Amino acid sequence: MNITFAAPLTPNWQHVHADWWQDDQGNDIHRIEIDGDALYHCHLAGSPLPWDAVATSLDEAMAVFSRHAA
C-alpha cells in the first residue's frame, strides 16, 4: 500500500473524505488504489468528463489545477 499525502493542504483545498479532496472552485481529486499503486483522478469543475487528468501523487494532482488556472 502506497499512501502519500501533501502536508499541509493549501488554503483553497479541503480534505472532504478519506480519498477525496475539493478546492474552493469545485475541482475534485479522488484517490484510487489499483494493485497497490495510488492514482489521483483530477476532475475540473464543470467538465463533462469523469476525470480530466491522472496524477501519481496528491501534490502532482493539485499542480494540475494550478497549471489549468494559469
C-alpha atoms as a PDB file:
ATOM      1  CA  MET A   1       0.000   0.000   0.000  1.00  0.00           C
ATOM      2  CA  ASN A   2       1.442   3.320  -1.094  1.00  0.00           C
ATOM      3  CA  ILE A   3      -0.111   6.361   0.636  1.00  0.00           C
ATOM      4  CA  THR A   4       1.368   9.806   0.101  1.00  0.00           C
ATOM      5  CA  PHE A   5      -0.280  12.940   1.450  1.00  0.00           C
ATOM      6  CA  ALA A   6       0.715  16.544   0.941  1.00  0.00           C
ATOM      7  CA  ALA A   7       1.303  18.404   4.175  1.00  0.00           C
ATOM      8  CA  PRO A   8      -0.277  20.783   4.759  1.00  0.00           C
ATOM      9  CA  LEU A   9      -3.012  21.323   2.180  1.00  0.00           C
ATOM     10  CA  THR A  10      -3.086  24.726   0.555  1.00  0.00           C
ATOM     11  CA  PRO A  11      -5.805  27.006   1.961  1.00  0.00           C
ATOM     12  CA  ASN A  12      -8.121  26.561  -1.032  1.00  0.00           C
ATOM     13  CA  TRP A  13      -8.212  22.732  -0.697  1.00  0.00           C
ATOM     14  CA  GLN A  14     -10.195  20.733   1.848  1.00  0.00           C
ATOM     15  CA  HIS A  15      -9.954  17.040   2.656  1.00  0.00           C
ATOM     16  CA  VAL A  16     -13.596  16.006   2.275  1.00  0.00           C
ATOM     17  CA  HIS A  17     -13.286  12.259   2.777  1.00  0.00           C
ATOM     18  CA  ALA A  18     -10.534   9.655   3.109  1.00  0.00           C
ATOM     19  CA  ASP A  19      -9.906   9.575  -0.651  1.00  0.00           C
ATOM     20  CA  TRP A  20     -11.493  12.843  -1.828  1.00  0.00           C
ATOM     21  CA  TRP A  21     -10.305  16.453  -1.894  1.00  0.00           C
ATOM     22  CA  GLN A  22     -12.100  19.534  -3.235  1.00  0.00           C
ATOM     23  CA  ASP A  23     -10.973  23.112  -3.751  1.00  0.00           C
ATOM     24  CA  ASP A  24     -12.934  26.345  -3.440  1.00  0.00           C
ATOM     25  CA  GLN A  25     -13.580  26.323  -7.213  1.00  0.00           C
ATOM     26  CA  GLY A  26     -15.359  22.944  -7.165  1.00  0.00           C
ATOM     27  CA  ASN A  27     -12.464  20.938  -8.623  1.00  0.00           C
ATOM     28  CA  ASP A  28     -12.136  17.406  -7.250  1.00  0.00           C
ATOM     29  CA  ILE A  29      -9.349  14.912  -6.663  1.00  0.00           C
ATOM     30  CA  HIS A  30     -10.205  11.270  -5.999  1.00  0.00           C
ATOM     31  CA  ARG A  31      -7.588   8.766  -4.860  1.00  0.00           C
ATOM     32  CA  ILE A  32      -7.933   5.316  -6.405  1.00  0.00           C
ATOM     33  CA  GLU A  33      -5.765   2.342  -5.475  1.00  0.00           C
ATOM     34  CA  ILE A  34      -5.118  -0.235  -8.193  1.00  0.00           C
ATOM     35  CA  ASP A  35      -2.878  -3.236  -7.494  1.00  0.00           C
ATOM     36  CA  GLY A  36      -1.231  -1.421  -4.581  1.00  0.00           C
ATOM     37  CA  ASP A  37      -0.480   1.753  -6.559  1.00  0.00           C
ATOM     38  CA  ALA A  38      -2.287   5.017  -5.834  1.00  0.00           C
ATOM     39  CA  LEU A  39      -3.606   7.159  -8.667  1.00  0.00           C
ATOM     40  CA  TYR A  40      -5.251  10.544  -8.270  1.00  0.00           C
ATOM     41  CA  HIS A  41      -8.069  11.314 -10.706  1.00  0.00           C
ATOM     42  CA  CYS A  42      -8.482  15.052 -11.257  1.00  0.00           C
ATOM     43  CA  HIS A  43     -11.881  16.447 -12.257  1.00  0.00           C
ATOM     44  CA  LEU A  44     -12.211  20.071 -13.336  1.00  0.00           C
ATOM     45  CA  ALA A  45     -15.397  21.783 -12.153  1.00  0.00           C
ATOM     46  CA  GLY A  46     -17.976  21.892 -14.937  1.00  0.00           C
ATOM     47  CA  SER A  47     -16.208  19.340 -17.112  1.00  0.00           C
ATOM     48  CA  PRO A  48     -18.431  16.651 -18.664  1.00  0.00           C
ATOM     49  CA  LEU A  49     -15.576  14.115 -18.414  1.00  0.00           C
ATOM     50  CA  PRO A  50     -15.356  11.694 -15.466  1.00  0.00           C
ATOM     51  CA  TRP A  51     -11.763  12.943 -14.983  1.00  0.00           C
ATOM     52  CA  ASP A  52      -9.534  15.384 -16.817  1.00  0.00           C
ATOM     53  CA  ALA A  53      -6.110  14.181 -15.675  1.00  0.00           C
ATOM     54  CA  VAL A  54      -4.454  11.395 -13.692  1.00  0.00           C
ATOM     55  CA  ALA A  55      -1.559  12.006 -11.298  1.00  0.00           C
ATOM     56  CA  THR A  56       0.622   9.732  -9.185  1.00  0.00           C
ATOM     57  CA  SER A  57       0.711  11.934  -6.064  1.00  0.00           C
ATOM     58  CA  LEU A  58      -1.548  14.409  -4.323  1.00  0.00           C
ATOM     59  CA  ASP A  59       0.972  17.213  -4.885  1.00  0.00           C
ATOM     60  CA  GLU A  60       1.067  16.422  -8.604  1.00  0.00           C
ATOM     61  CA  ALA A  61      -2.737  16.345  -8.737  1.00  0.00           C
ATOM     62  CA  MET A  62      -3.005  19.762  -7.058  1.00  0.00           C
ATOM     63  CA  ALA A  63      -0.439  21.108  -9.532  1.00  0.00           C
ATOM     64  CA  VAL A  64      -2.723  20.018 -12.407  1.00  0.00           C
ATOM     65  CA  PHE A  65      -5.278  22.558 -11.222  1.00  0.00           C
ATOM     66  CA  SER A  66      -2.780  25.362 -10.694  1.00  0.00           C
ATOM     67  CA  ARG A  67      -1.462  24.824 -14.253  1.00  0.00           C
ATOM     68  CA  HIS A  68      -5.020  24.842 -15.601  1.00  0.00           C
ATOM     69  CA  ALA A  69      -5.837  28.120 -13.817  1.00  0.00           C
ATOM     70  CA  ALA A  70      -2.749  29.858 -15.247  1.00  0.00           C
END
